[in-house]
């Protein structure tokens, strides 16, 4: 019995790492990225009154049917971005006999938005009420009243995009297309490539790049190009603004949606200025196109997963 306990004790010591000659170390800190213990907000459910919730509950599930709004014709409900870009301030194709509608969605005015009309009555007597075809897995018939109210709420709240911004006029706001960072090599992200940038502790200088799109202004001609860093998810009120550098020749890399985009905006910074080992730091950018006021990306009302995309964490 005594020999049994002594043998068990020695095995435990070996399993815990005692008695080993040395600890193997990685030659390159980028080769062994450990998951840090951080407090990151979790997404519990999508806001049903926001564009991401509407796409999940209505537009993507019910309207993006084969041969309907699947990219065959507008509105294009295949993705959140295509849904937003083909609805908000987009001209109507079919109208009522009185010509009551000018745009599919008018931010702040659900009753002036043709989308609401198409979902509630036959606007010209021969077009029918949308959706014309309902997929078997759609719950539109049971929840249509709730979903229409969700759409009304989204429009009346300003028809905000996934960044939390609402266009003030027919000239659309600048849109984020991608955020990447590197120091010799591109840094990976958590959560399957959509979460926080993972920066090794040994790195003290990071090049952070941004790609944008706009319907009228080229991103390298934006009137404001700023960035703020903060440790809290929405603690940017007192954060200092820093200038973003505009590149004369953009870097072309994969963006947020998987396509190749041009990264014109850049800042070089020390990640330890805003976060310690195991902590998360958030950042927001501020850009301005020709006619709209300064656009904050993401804003306080932006989707949580976009806010997490605009963040980094320091790892061992």
C-alpha atoms as a PDB file:
ATOM      1  CA  UNK A   1       0.000   0.000   0.000  1.00  0.00           C
ATOM      2  CA  UNK A   2       2.804   2.431   0.882  1.00  0.00           C
ATOM      3  CA  UNK A   3       4.503   1.667  -2.447  1.00  0.00           C
ATOM      4  CA  UNK A   4       1.211   2.388  -4.238  1.00  0.00           C
ATOM      5  CA  UNK A   5       0.931   5.890  -2.718  1.00  0.00           C
ATOM      6  CA  UNK A   6       4.577   6.699  -3.451  1.00  0.00           C
ATOM      7  CA  UNK A   7       4.183   5.594  -7.081  1.00  0.00           C
ATOM      8  CA  UNK A   8       0.946   7.607  -7.469  1.00  0.00           C
ATOM      9  CA  UNK A   9       2.599  10.690  -5.973  1.00  0.00           C
ATOM     10  CA  UNK A  10       5.522  10.487  -8.428  1.00  0.00           C
ATOM     11  CA  UNK A  11       3.141  10.115 -11.390  1.00  0.00           C
ATOM     12  CA  UNK A  12       1.204  13.219 -10.270  1.00  0.00           C
ATOM     13  CA  UNK A  13       4.445  15.196 -10.044  1.00  0.00           C
ATOM     14  CA  UNK A  14       5.349  14.216 -13.575  1.00  0.00           C
ATOM     15  CA  UNK A  15       1.884  15.122 -14.892  1.00  0.00           C
ATOM     16  CA  UNK A  16       2.096  18.553 -13.247  1.00  0.00           C
ATOM     17  CA  UNK A  17       5.428  19.223 -14.884  1.00  0.00           C
ATOM     18  CA  UNK A  18       7.665  18.821 -11.780  1.00  0.00           C
ATOM     19  CA  UNK A  19      10.913  17.016 -12.393  1.00  0.00           C
ATOM     20  CA  UNK A  20      11.045  17.838 -16.087  1.00  0.00           C
ATOM     21  CA  UNK A  21      14.292  19.231 -17.329  1.00  0.00           C
ATOM     22  CA  UNK A  22      12.962  22.415 -18.979  1.00  0.00           C
ATOM     23  CA  UNK A  23       9.891  23.987 -20.558  1.00  0.00           C
ATOM     24  CA  UNK A  24       9.832  23.989 -24.331  1.00  0.00           C
ATOM     25  CA  UNK A  25       9.484  27.493 -25.743  1.00  0.00           C
ATOM     26  CA  UNK A  26       8.248  28.515 -29.177  1.00  0.00           C
ATOM     27  CA  UNK A  27      10.858  30.037 -31.448  1.00  0.00           C
ATOM     28  CA  UNK A  28       8.380  32.549 -32.797  1.00  0.00           C
ATOM     29  CA  UNK A  29       5.710  34.226 -30.624  1.00  0.00           C
ATOM     30  CA  UNK A  30       3.291  34.083 -33.562  1.00  0.00           C
ATOM     31  CA  UNK A  31       3.509  30.261 -33.671  1.00  0.00           C
ATOM     32  CA  UNK A  32       1.939  29.651 -30.253  1.00  0.00           C
ATOM     33  CA  UNK A  33      -0.973  32.020 -29.705  1.00  0.00           C
ATOM     34  CA  UNK A  34      -2.675  31.231 -26.410  1.00  0.00           C
ATOM     35  CA  UNK A  35      -6.276  32.198 -25.754  1.00  0.00           C
ATOM     36  CA  UNK A  36      -6.267  34.969 -23.134  1.00  0.00           C
ATOM     37  CA  UNK A  37      -8.683  35.065 -20.229  1.00  0.00           C
ATOM     38  CA  UNK A  38     -10.697  38.139 -21.091  1.00  0.00           C
ATOM     39  CA  UNK A  39     -14.109  39.519 -20.338  1.00  0.00           C
ATOM     40  CA  UNK A  40     -15.747  39.916 -23.742  1.00  0.00           C
ATOM     41  CA  UNK A  41     -19.437  40.713 -24.160  1.00  0.00           C
ATOM     42  CA  UNK A  42     -21.422  37.786 -25.507  1.00  0.00           C
ATOM     43  CA  UNK A  43     -24.139  38.028 -28.124  1.00  0.00           C
ATOM     44  CA  UNK A  44     -27.295  36.635 -26.549  1.00  0.00           C
ATOM     45  CA  UNK A  45     -29.820  37.435 -29.296  1.00  0.00           C
ATOM     46  CA  UNK A  46     -30.197  39.787 -32.219  1.00  0.00           C
ATOM     47  CA  UNK A  47     -32.214  42.965 -31.766  1.00  0.00           C
ATOM     48  CA  UNK A  48     -35.496  42.339 -33.664  1.00  0.00           C
ATOM     49  CA  UNK A  49     -35.803  46.089 -34.337  1.00  0.00           C
ATOM     50  CA  UNK A  50     -32.345  46.336 -35.936  1.00  0.00           C
ATOM     51  CA  UNK A  51     -31.272  45.478 -39.478  1.00  0.00           C
ATOM     52  CA  UNK A  52     -29.347  42.380 -38.353  1.00  0.00           C
ATOM     53  CA  UNK A  53     -32.393  41.020 -36.508  1.00  0.00           C
ATOM     54  CA  UNK A  54     -34.715  41.859 -39.396  1.00  0.00           C
ATOM     55  CA  UNK A  55     -32.444  40.065 -41.847  1.00  0.00           C
ATOM     56  CA  UNK A  56     -32.298  36.963 -39.651  1.00  0.00           C
ATOM     57  CA  UNK A  57     -36.025  36.898 -38.892  1.00  0.00           C
ATOM     58  CA  UNK A  58     -37.591  38.255 -42.077  1.00  0.00           C
ATOM     59  CA  UNK A  59     -35.578  39.319 -45.104  1.00  0.00           C
ATOM     60  CA  UNK A  60     -33.123  36.444 -45.267  1.00  0.00           C
ATOM     61  CA  UNK A  61     -35.477  33.693 -44.121  1.00  0.00           C
ATOM     62  CA  UNK A  62     -38.693  34.763 -45.856  1.00  0.00           C
ATOM     63  CA  UNK A  63     -37.827  37.080 -48.742  1.00  0.00           C
ATOM     64  CA  UNK A  64     -34.550  35.784 -50.222  1.00  0.00           C
ATOM     65  CA  UNK A  65     -36.374  32.970 -52.010  1.00  0.00           C
ATOM     66  CA  UNK A  66     -35.000  31.387 -55.151  1.00  0.00           C
ATOM     67  CA  UNK A  67     -36.103  33.505 -58.084  1.00  0.00           C
ATOM     68  CA  UNK A  68     -37.310  36.304 -55.805  1.00  0.00           C
ATOM     69  CA  UNK A  69     -35.051  38.577 -53.730  1.00  0.00           C
ATOM     70  CA  UNK A  70     -32.010  36.293 -54.003  1.00  0.00           C
ATOM     71  CA  UNK A  71     -30.046  38.723 -56.162  1.00  0.00           C
ATOM     72  CA  UNK A  72     -32.218  38.108 -59.203  1.00  0.00           C
ATOM     73  CA  UNK A  73     -33.676  41.591 -58.778  1.00  0.00           C
ATOM     74  CA  UNK A  74     -33.778  44.300 -56.118  1.00  0.00           C
ATOM     75  CA  UNK A  75     -34.175  44.533 -53.237  1.00  0.00           C
ATOM     76  CA  UNK A  76     -31.389  41.977 -52.728  1.00  0.00           C
ATOM     77  CA  UNK A  77     -31.961  40.214 -49.408  1.00  0.00           C
ATOM     78  CA  UNK A  78     -29.069  37.715 -49.557  1.00  0.00           C
ATOM     79  CA  UNK A  79     -26.912  39.504 -46.959  1.00  0.00           C
ATOM     80  CA  UNK A  80     -27.364  42.204 -44.332  1.00  0.00           C
ATOM     81  CA  UNK A  81     -25.284  44.625 -46.388  1.00  0.00           C
ATOM     82  CA  UNK A  82     -27.140  43.985 -49.665  1.00  0.00           C
ATOM     83  CA  UNK A  83     -30.455  44.274 -47.826  1.00  0.00           C
ATOM     84  CA  UNK A  84     -29.556  47.644 -46.361  1.00  0.00           C
ATOM     85  CA  UNK A  85     -27.986  49.046 -49.520  1.00  0.00           C
ATOM     86  CA  UNK A  86     -30.954  48.101 -51.728  1.00  0.00           C
ATOM     87  CA  UNK A  87     -33.610  49.388 -49.312  1.00  0.00           C
ATOM     88  CA  UNK A  88     -32.539  52.652 -47.689  1.00  0.00           C
ATOM     89  CA  UNK A  89     -33.064  55.701 -49.922  1.00  0.00           C
ATOM     90  CA  UNK A  90     -33.344  53.431 -52.957  1.00  0.00           C
ATOM     91  CA  UNK A  91     -35.862  54.490 -55.632  1.00  0.00           C
ATOM     92  CA  UNK A  92     -39.025  52.453 -56.104  1.00  0.00           C
ATOM     93  CA  UNK A  93     -39.737  50.409 -59.232  1.00  0.00           C
ATOM     94  CA  UNK A  94     -43.470  49.922 -58.700  1.00  0.00           C
ATOM     95  CA  UNK A  95     -45.647  52.677 -57.247  1.00  0.00           C
ATOM     96  CA  UNK A  96     -49.299  53.236 -56.456  1.00  0.00           C
ATOM     97  CA  UNK A  97     -51.503  55.158 -58.941  1.00  0.00           C
ATOM     98  CA  UNK A  98     -50.956  58.353 -56.967  1.00  0.00           C
ATOM     99  CA  UNK A  99     -47.151  58.040 -57.083  1.00  0.00           C
ATOM    100  CA  UNK A 100     -47.044  58.223 -53.288  1.00  0.00           C
ATOM    101  CA  UNK A 101     -43.601  56.709 -52.777  1.00  0.00           C
ATOM    102  CA  UNK A 102     -40.160  57.888 -53.806  1.00  0.00           C
ATOM    103  CA  UNK A 103     -37.960  55.460 -51.865  1.00  0.00           C
ATOM    104  CA  UNK A 104     -38.230  51.907 -50.562  1.00  0.00           C
ATOM    105  CA  UNK A 105     -37.147  53.024 -47.103  1.00  0.00           C
ATOM    106  CA  UNK A 106     -37.085  56.619 -45.880  1.00  0.00           C
ATOM    107  CA  UNK A 107     -35.232  56.777 -42.542  1.00  0.00           C
ATOM    108  CA  UNK A 108     -37.461  58.158 -39.806  1.00  0.00           C
ATOM    109  CA  UNK A 109     -40.654  57.838 -41.872  1.00  0.00           C
ATOM    110  CA  UNK A 110     -42.210  54.378 -42.004  1.00  0.00           C
ATOM    111  CA  UNK A 111     -45.452  55.660 -43.548  1.00  0.00           C
ATOM    112  CA  UNK A 112     -43.487  57.216 -46.431  1.00  0.00           C
ATOM    113  CA  UNK A 113     -41.531  54.017 -47.024  1.00  0.00           C
ATOM    114  CA  UNK A 114     -42.759  51.815 -49.843  1.00  0.00           C
ATOM    115  CA  UNK A 115     -41.513  48.707 -48.011  1.00  0.00           C
ATOM    116  CA  UNK A 116     -44.295  49.006 -45.425  1.00  0.00           C
ATOM    117  CA  UNK A 117     -46.902  49.429 -48.147  1.00  0.00           C
ATOM    118  CA  UNK A 118     -45.713  46.358 -50.046  1.00  0.00           C
ATOM    119  CA  UNK A 119     -46.019  44.285 -46.865  1.00  0.00           C
ATOM    120  CA  UNK A 120     -49.524  45.480 -45.956  1.00  0.00           C
ATOM    121  CA  UNK A 121     -51.553  45.974 -49.154  1.00  0.00           C
ATOM    122  CA  UNK A 122     -51.539  45.619 -52.946  1.00  0.00           C
ATOM    123  CA  UNK A 123     -50.272  49.036 -53.999  1.00  0.00           C
ATOM    124  CA  UNK A 124     -51.399  48.928 -57.643  1.00  0.00           C
ATOM    125  CA  UNK A 125     -54.073  46.259 -57.676  1.00  0.00           C
ATOM    126  CA  UNK A 126     -52.057  43.616 -59.518  1.00  0.00           C
ATOM    127  CA  UNK A 127     -48.719  43.263 -57.716  1.00  0.00           C
ATOM    128  CA  UNK A 128     -49.962  41.417 -54.646  1.00  0.00           C
ATOM    129  CA  UNK A 129     -48.921  41.725 -51.025  1.00  0.00           C
ATOM    130  CA  UNK A 130     -45.365  40.751 -50.160  1.00  0.00           C
ATOM    131  CA  UNK A 131     -44.125  38.122 -49.585  1.00  0.00           C
ATOM    132  CA  UNK A 132     -45.715  36.370 -52.557  1.00  0.00           C
ATOM    133  CA  UNK A 133     -44.069  33.033 -51.699  1.00  0.00           C
ATOM    134  CA  UNK A 134     -43.407  31.798 -48.182  1.00  0.00           C
ATOM    135  CA  UNK A 135     -40.716  29.210 -47.529  1.00  0.00           C
ATOM    136  CA  UNK A 136     -41.648  26.143 -45.406  1.00  0.00           C
ATOM    137  CA  UNK A 137     -39.272  27.161 -42.588  1.00  0.00           C
ATOM    138  CA  UNK A 138     -40.608  30.733 -42.429  1.00  0.00           C
ATOM    139  CA  UNK A 139     -42.849  31.793 -39.523  1.00  0.00           C
ATOM    140  CA  UNK A 140     -44.159  34.850 -41.387  1.00  0.00           C
ATOM    141  CA  UNK A 141     -47.803  33.728 -41.277  1.00  0.00           C
ATOM    142  CA  UNK A 142     -47.713  33.383 -37.487  1.00  0.00           C
ATOM    143  CA  UNK A 143     -45.619  36.472 -36.715  1.00  0.00           C
ATOM    144  CA  UNK A 144     -46.212  38.868 -39.612  1.00  0.00           C
ATOM    145  CA  UNK A 145     -47.842  41.521 -37.417  1.00  0.00           C
ATOM    146  CA  UNK A 146     -44.878  41.493 -35.040  1.00  0.00           C
ATOM    147  CA  UNK A 147     -42.364  41.537 -37.889  1.00  0.00           C
ATOM    148  CA  UNK A 148     -44.042  44.462 -39.643  1.00  0.00           C
ATOM    149  CA  UNK A 149     -44.000  46.362 -36.363  1.00  0.00           C
ATOM    150  CA  UNK A 150     -40.281  45.542 -36.013  1.00  0.00           C
ATOM    151  CA  UNK A 151     -39.660  46.930 -39.500  1.00  0.00           C
ATOM    152  CA  UNK A 152     -41.664  50.057 -38.680  1.00  0.00           C
ATOM    153  CA  UNK A 153     -39.648  50.548 -35.502  1.00  0.00           C
ATOM    154  CA  UNK A 154     -36.357  50.154 -37.388  1.00  0.00           C
ATOM    155  CA  UNK A 155     -37.389  52.715 -40.006  1.00  0.00           C
ATOM    156  CA  UNK A 156     -38.770  55.237 -37.511  1.00  0.00           C
ATOM    157  CA  UNK A 157     -35.607  54.923 -35.423  1.00  0.00           C
ATOM    158  CA  UNK A 158     -33.611  56.108 -38.436  1.00  0.00           C
ATOM    159  CA  UNK A 159     -33.100  52.894 -40.431  1.00  0.00           C
ATOM    160  CA  UNK A 160     -29.703  52.359 -38.827  1.00  0.00           C
ATOM    161  CA  UNK A 161     -27.107  50.104 -40.458  1.00  0.00           C
ATOM    162  CA  UNK A 162     -25.130  47.410 -38.634  1.00  0.00           C
ATOM    163  CA  UNK A 163     -22.706  50.115 -37.492  1.00  0.00           C
ATOM    164  CA  UNK A 164     -25.520  51.960 -35.727  1.00  0.00           C
ATOM    165  CA  UNK A 165     -25.566  54.907 -38.134  1.00  0.00           C
ATOM    166  CA  UNK A 166     -28.505  56.428 -39.944  1.00  0.00           C
ATOM    167  CA  UNK A 167     -28.110  58.417 -43.182  1.00  0.00           C
ATOM    168  CA  UNK A 168     -29.499  61.918 -42.936  1.00  0.00           C
ATOM    169  CA  UNK A 169     -30.231  62.294 -46.635  1.00  0.00           C
ATOM    170  CA  UNK A 170     -30.251  60.405 -49.932  1.00  0.00           C
ATOM    171  CA  UNK A 171     -26.444  60.439 -50.018  1.00  0.00           C
ATOM    172  CA  UNK A 172     -25.547  57.248 -48.166  1.00  0.00           C
ATOM    173  CA  UNK A 173     -23.119  57.169 -45.250  1.00  0.00           C
ATOM    174  CA  UNK A 174     -19.619  55.703 -45.531  1.00  0.00           C
ATOM    175  CA  UNK A 175     -19.611  51.963 -44.901  1.00  0.00           C
ATOM    176  CA  UNK A 176     -16.929  49.801 -43.290  1.00  0.00           C
ATOM    177  CA  UNK A 177     -15.481  47.137 -45.591  1.00  0.00           C
ATOM    178  CA  UNK A 178     -12.675  45.717 -43.454  1.00  0.00           C
ATOM    179  CA  UNK A 179     -10.198  46.148 -40.586  1.00  0.00           C
ATOM    180  CA  UNK A 180      -6.818  44.415 -40.569  1.00  0.00           C
ATOM    181  CA  UNK A 181      -3.618  44.714 -38.516  1.00  0.00           C
ATOM    182  CA  UNK A 182      -0.071  43.517 -38.882  1.00  0.00           C
ATOM    183  CA  UNK A 183       3.478  43.772 -37.658  1.00  0.00           C
ATOM    184  CA  UNK A 184       5.442  41.939 -40.323  1.00  0.00           C
ATOM    185  CA  UNK A 185       2.594  39.424 -40.630  1.00  0.00           C
ATOM    186  CA  UNK A 186      -1.176  39.786 -40.428  1.00  0.00           C
ATOM    187  CA  UNK A 187      -2.650  39.151 -36.984  1.00  0.00           C
ATOM    188  CA  UNK A 188      -5.402  36.546 -36.625  1.00  0.00           C
ATOM    189  CA  UNK A 189      -8.768  37.178 -35.015  1.00  0.00           C
ATOM    190  CA  UNK A 190     -10.817  35.366 -32.415  1.00  0.00           C
ATOM    191  CA  UNK A 191     -14.249  33.846 -33.068  1.00  0.00           C
ATOM    192  CA  UNK A 192     -13.533  32.370 -36.480  1.00  0.00           C
ATOM    193  CA  UNK A 193     -11.962  35.510 -37.887  1.00  0.00           C
ATOM    194  CA  UNK A 194     -14.724  37.953 -36.881  1.00  0.00           C
ATOM    195  CA  UNK A 195     -13.740  38.759 -33.291  1.00  0.00           C
ATOM    196  CA  UNK A 196     -10.973  40.743 -31.636  1.00  0.00           C
ATOM    197  CA  UNK A 197      -7.543  41.010 -33.245  1.00  0.00           C
ATOM    198  CA  UNK A 198      -5.054  38.855 -31.305  1.00  0.00           C
ATOM    199  CA  UNK A 199      -1.772  40.689 -30.805  1.00  0.00           C
ATOM    200  CA  UNK A 200       1.179  38.932 -29.084  1.00  0.00           C
ATOM    201  CA  UNK A 201       2.582  40.613 -25.996  1.00  0.00           C
ATOM    202  CA  UNK A 202       6.046  41.051 -27.558  1.00  0.00           C
ATOM    203  CA  UNK A 203       4.659  43.363 -30.276  1.00  0.00           C
ATOM    204  CA  UNK A 204       5.021  47.074 -29.517  1.00  0.00           C
ATOM    205  CA  UNK A 205       4.178  48.582 -32.910  1.00  0.00           C
ATOM    206  CA  UNK A 206       1.108  47.692 -34.963  1.00  0.00           C
ATOM    207  CA  UNK A 207      -0.073  48.917 -38.359  1.00  0.00           C
ATOM    208  CA  UNK A 208      -3.874  49.066 -38.280  1.00  0.00           C
ATOM    209  CA  UNK A 209      -5.655  49.396 -41.642  1.00  0.00           C
ATOM    210  CA  UNK A 210      -9.238  50.321 -42.564  1.00  0.00           C
ATOM    211  CA  UNK A 211     -11.242  49.913 -45.766  1.00  0.00           C
ATOM    212  CA  UNK A 212     -14.401  51.913 -46.489  1.00  0.00           C
ATOM    213  CA  UNK A 213     -16.887  52.391 -49.296  1.00  0.00           C
ATOM    214  CA  UNK A 214     -19.172  55.285 -50.133  1.00  0.00           C
ATOM    215  CA  UNK A 215     -21.774  55.864 -52.816  1.00  0.00           C
ATOM    216  CA  UNK A 216     -20.410  59.278 -53.872  1.00  0.00           C
ATOM    217  CA  UNK A 217     -17.017  59.985 -52.278  1.00  0.00           C
ATOM    218  CA  UNK A 218     -13.826  57.990 -52.717  1.00  0.00           C
ATOM    219  CA  UNK A 219     -12.460  56.968 -49.281  1.00  0.00           C
ATOM    220  CA  UNK A 220      -9.139  58.694 -49.978  1.00  0.00           C
ATOM    221  CA  UNK A 221     -11.118  61.964 -50.279  1.00  0.00           C
ATOM    222  CA  UNK A 222     -12.973  61.766 -46.967  1.00  0.00           C
ATOM    223  CA  UNK A 223     -13.038  65.061 -45.080  1.00  0.00           C
ATOM    224  CA  UNK A 224     -12.414  63.632 -41.611  1.00  0.00           C
ATOM    225  CA  UNK A 225     -10.123  60.733 -40.759  1.00  0.00           C
ATOM    226  CA  UNK A 226      -9.841  60.086 -37.011  1.00  0.00           C
ATOM    227  CA  UNK A 227      -9.655  57.171 -34.588  1.00  0.00           C
ATOM    228  CA  UNK A 228     -10.273  56.792 -30.856  1.00  0.00           C
ATOM    229  CA  UNK A 229      -9.263  53.947 -28.537  1.00  0.00           C
ATOM    230  CA  UNK A 230     -11.007  52.957 -25.288  1.00  0.00           C
ATOM    231  CA  UNK A 231     -11.041  50.061 -22.834  1.00  0.00           C
ATOM    232  CA  UNK A 232     -14.817  50.034 -22.459  1.00  0.00           C
ATOM    233  CA  UNK A 233     -17.243  48.900 -25.145  1.00  0.00           C
ATOM    234  CA  UNK A 234     -18.891  52.337 -25.423  1.00  0.00           C
ATOM    235  CA  UNK A 235     -16.487  54.527 -23.398  1.00  0.00           C
ATOM    236  CA  UNK A 236     -15.435  56.886 -26.187  1.00  0.00           C
ATOM    237  CA  UNK A 237     -16.872  60.205 -24.970  1.00  0.00           C
ATOM    238  CA  UNK A 238     -13.612  61.298 -23.316  1.00  0.00           C
ATOM    239  CA  UNK A 239     -11.184  59.377 -25.552  1.00  0.00           C
ATOM    240  CA  UNK A 240      -8.607  61.403 -27.451  1.00  0.00           C
ATOM    241  CA  UNK A 241      -8.863  61.456 -31.233  1.00  0.00           C
ATOM    242  CA  UNK A 242      -5.834  60.580 -33.338  1.00  0.00           C
ATOM    243  CA  UNK A 243      -5.310  61.160 -37.044  1.00  0.00           C
ATOM    244  CA  UNK A 244      -5.546  58.336 -39.547  1.00  0.00           C
ATOM    245  CA  UNK A 245      -2.965  58.326 -42.317  1.00  0.00           C
ATOM    246  CA  UNK A 246      -4.270  58.309 -45.900  1.00  0.00           C
ATOM    247  CA  UNK A 247      -2.267  56.055 -48.199  1.00  0.00           C
ATOM    248  CA  UNK A 248      -1.560  57.291 -51.716  1.00  0.00           C
ATOM    249  CA  UNK A 249      -1.562  53.665 -52.881  1.00  0.00           C
ATOM    250  CA  UNK A 250      -4.024  51.432 -51.018  1.00  0.00           C
ATOM    251  CA  UNK A 251      -3.328  47.914 -49.785  1.00  0.00           C
ATOM    252  CA  UNK A 252      -5.639  45.356 -51.393  1.00  0.00           C
ATOM    253  CA  UNK A 253      -6.611  42.499 -49.061  1.00  0.00           C
ATOM    254  CA  UNK A 254      -9.667  40.478 -48.120  1.00  0.00           C
ATOM    255  CA  UNK A 255     -12.228  42.535 -46.237  1.00  0.00           C
ATOM    256  CA  UNK A 256     -14.997  41.856 -43.743  1.00  0.00           C
ATOM    257  CA  UNK A 257     -17.302  40.265 -46.324  1.00  0.00           C
ATOM    258  CA  UNK A 258     -14.601  38.034 -47.851  1.00  0.00           C
ATOM    259  CA  UNK A 259     -14.035  40.063 -51.007  1.00  0.00           C
ATOM    260  CA  UNK A 260     -10.864  41.975 -51.919  1.00  0.00           C
ATOM    261  CA  UNK A 261     -11.093  45.638 -50.915  1.00  0.00           C
ATOM    262  CA  UNK A 262      -8.790  48.660 -50.816  1.00  0.00           C
ATOM    263  CA  UNK A 263      -7.425  49.762 -47.445  1.00  0.00           C
ATOM    264  CA  UNK A 264      -6.684  53.505 -47.707  1.00  0.00           C
ATOM    265  CA  UNK A 265      -6.636  54.385 -43.993  1.00  0.00           C
ATOM    266  CA  UNK A 266      -3.882  53.446 -41.556  1.00  0.00           C
ATOM    267  CA  UNK A 267      -2.508  54.203 -38.113  1.00  0.00           C
ATOM    268  CA  UNK A 268       0.645  52.906 -36.430  1.00  0.00           C
ATOM    269  CA  UNK A 269       0.320  52.579 -32.651  1.00  0.00           C
ATOM    270  CA  UNK A 270       1.603  50.762 -29.569  1.00  0.00           C
ATOM    271  CA  UNK A 271      -1.110  48.292 -28.476  1.00  0.00           C
ATOM    272  CA  UNK A 272       0.157  48.450 -24.868  1.00  0.00           C
ATOM    273  CA  UNK A 273      -0.988  52.080 -24.686  1.00  0.00           C
ATOM    274  CA  UNK A 274      -4.595  50.907 -24.414  1.00  0.00           C
ATOM    275  CA  UNK A 275      -4.534  47.332 -23.102  1.00  0.00           C
ATOM    276  CA  UNK A 276      -2.449  45.036 -20.927  1.00  0.00           C
ATOM    277  CA  UNK A 277      -1.965  41.281 -21.250  1.00  0.00           C
ATOM    278  CA  UNK A 278      -5.352  39.545 -21.353  1.00  0.00           C
ATOM    279  CA  UNK A 279      -7.316  42.772 -21.761  1.00  0.00           C
ATOM    280  CA  UNK A 280      -9.483  43.979 -24.649  1.00  0.00           C
ATOM    281  CA  UNK A 281      -9.263  47.459 -26.168  1.00  0.00           C
ATOM    282  CA  UNK A 282     -11.889  48.888 -28.529  1.00  0.00           C
ATOM    283  CA  UNK A 283     -11.536  51.489 -31.264  1.00  0.00           C
ATOM    284  CA  UNK A 284     -13.799  53.591 -33.448  1.00  0.00           C
ATOM    285  CA  UNK A 285     -13.146  55.589 -36.568  1.00  0.00           C
ATOM    286  CA  UNK A 286     -14.657  58.890 -37.697  1.00  0.00           C
ATOM    287  CA  UNK A 287     -14.896  59.683 -41.396  1.00  0.00           C
ATOM    288  CA  UNK A 288     -16.907  62.167 -43.449  1.00  0.00           C
ATOM    289  CA  UNK A 289     -18.049  62.032 -47.042  1.00  0.00           C
ATOM    290  CA  UNK A 290     -19.012  64.997 -49.197  1.00  0.00           C
ATOM    291  CA  UNK A 291     -22.483  65.767 -47.854  1.00  0.00           C
ATOM    292  CA  UNK A 292     -23.072  63.896 -44.585  1.00  0.00           C
ATOM    293  CA  UNK A 293     -21.827  64.912 -41.139  1.00  0.00           C
ATOM    294  CA  UNK A 294     -19.063  62.949 -39.447  1.00  0.00           C
ATOM    295  CA  UNK A 295     -19.853  59.229 -39.352  1.00  0.00           C
ATOM    296  CA  UNK A 296     -18.812  57.235 -36.259  1.00  0.00           C
ATOM    297  CA  UNK A 297     -18.025  53.579 -37.019  1.00  0.00           C
ATOM    298  CA  UNK A 298     -19.312  51.755 -35.058  1.00  0.00           C
ATOM    299  CA  UNK A 299     -21.606  54.005 -33.018  1.00  0.00           C
ATOM    300  CA  UNK A 300     -23.163  53.248 -29.624  1.00  0.00           C
ATOM    301  CA  UNK A 301     -26.172  51.766 -31.407  1.00  0.00           C
ATOM    302  CA  UNK A 302     -24.054  49.490 -33.598  1.00  0.00           C
ATOM    303  CA  UNK A 303     -24.306  45.707 -33.550  1.00  0.00           C
ATOM    304  CA  UNK A 304     -22.305  44.026 -30.779  1.00  0.00           C
ATOM    305  CA  UNK A 305     -20.438  41.740 -33.169  1.00  0.00           C
ATOM    306  CA  UNK A 306     -19.244  44.786 -35.147  1.00  0.00           C
ATOM    307  CA  UNK A 307     -17.995  46.411 -31.928  1.00  0.00           C
ATOM    308  CA  UNK A 308     -16.078  43.208 -31.161  1.00  0.00           C
ATOM    309  CA  UNK A 309     -14.664  43.285 -34.698  1.00  0.00           C
ATOM    310  CA  UNK A 310     -13.352  46.780 -33.881  1.00  0.00           C
ATOM    311  CA  UNK A 311     -11.212  45.575 -30.977  1.00  0.00           C
ATOM    312  CA  UNK A 312      -7.977  43.805 -30.101  1.00  0.00           C
ATOM    313  CA  UNK A 313      -6.624  41.759 -27.230  1.00  0.00           C
ATOM    314  CA  UNK A 314      -3.039  41.176 -26.104  1.00  0.00           C
ATOM    315  CA  UNK A 315      -2.008  37.550 -25.727  1.00  0.00           C
ATOM    316  CA  UNK A 316       1.109  35.719 -24.601  1.00  0.00           C
END
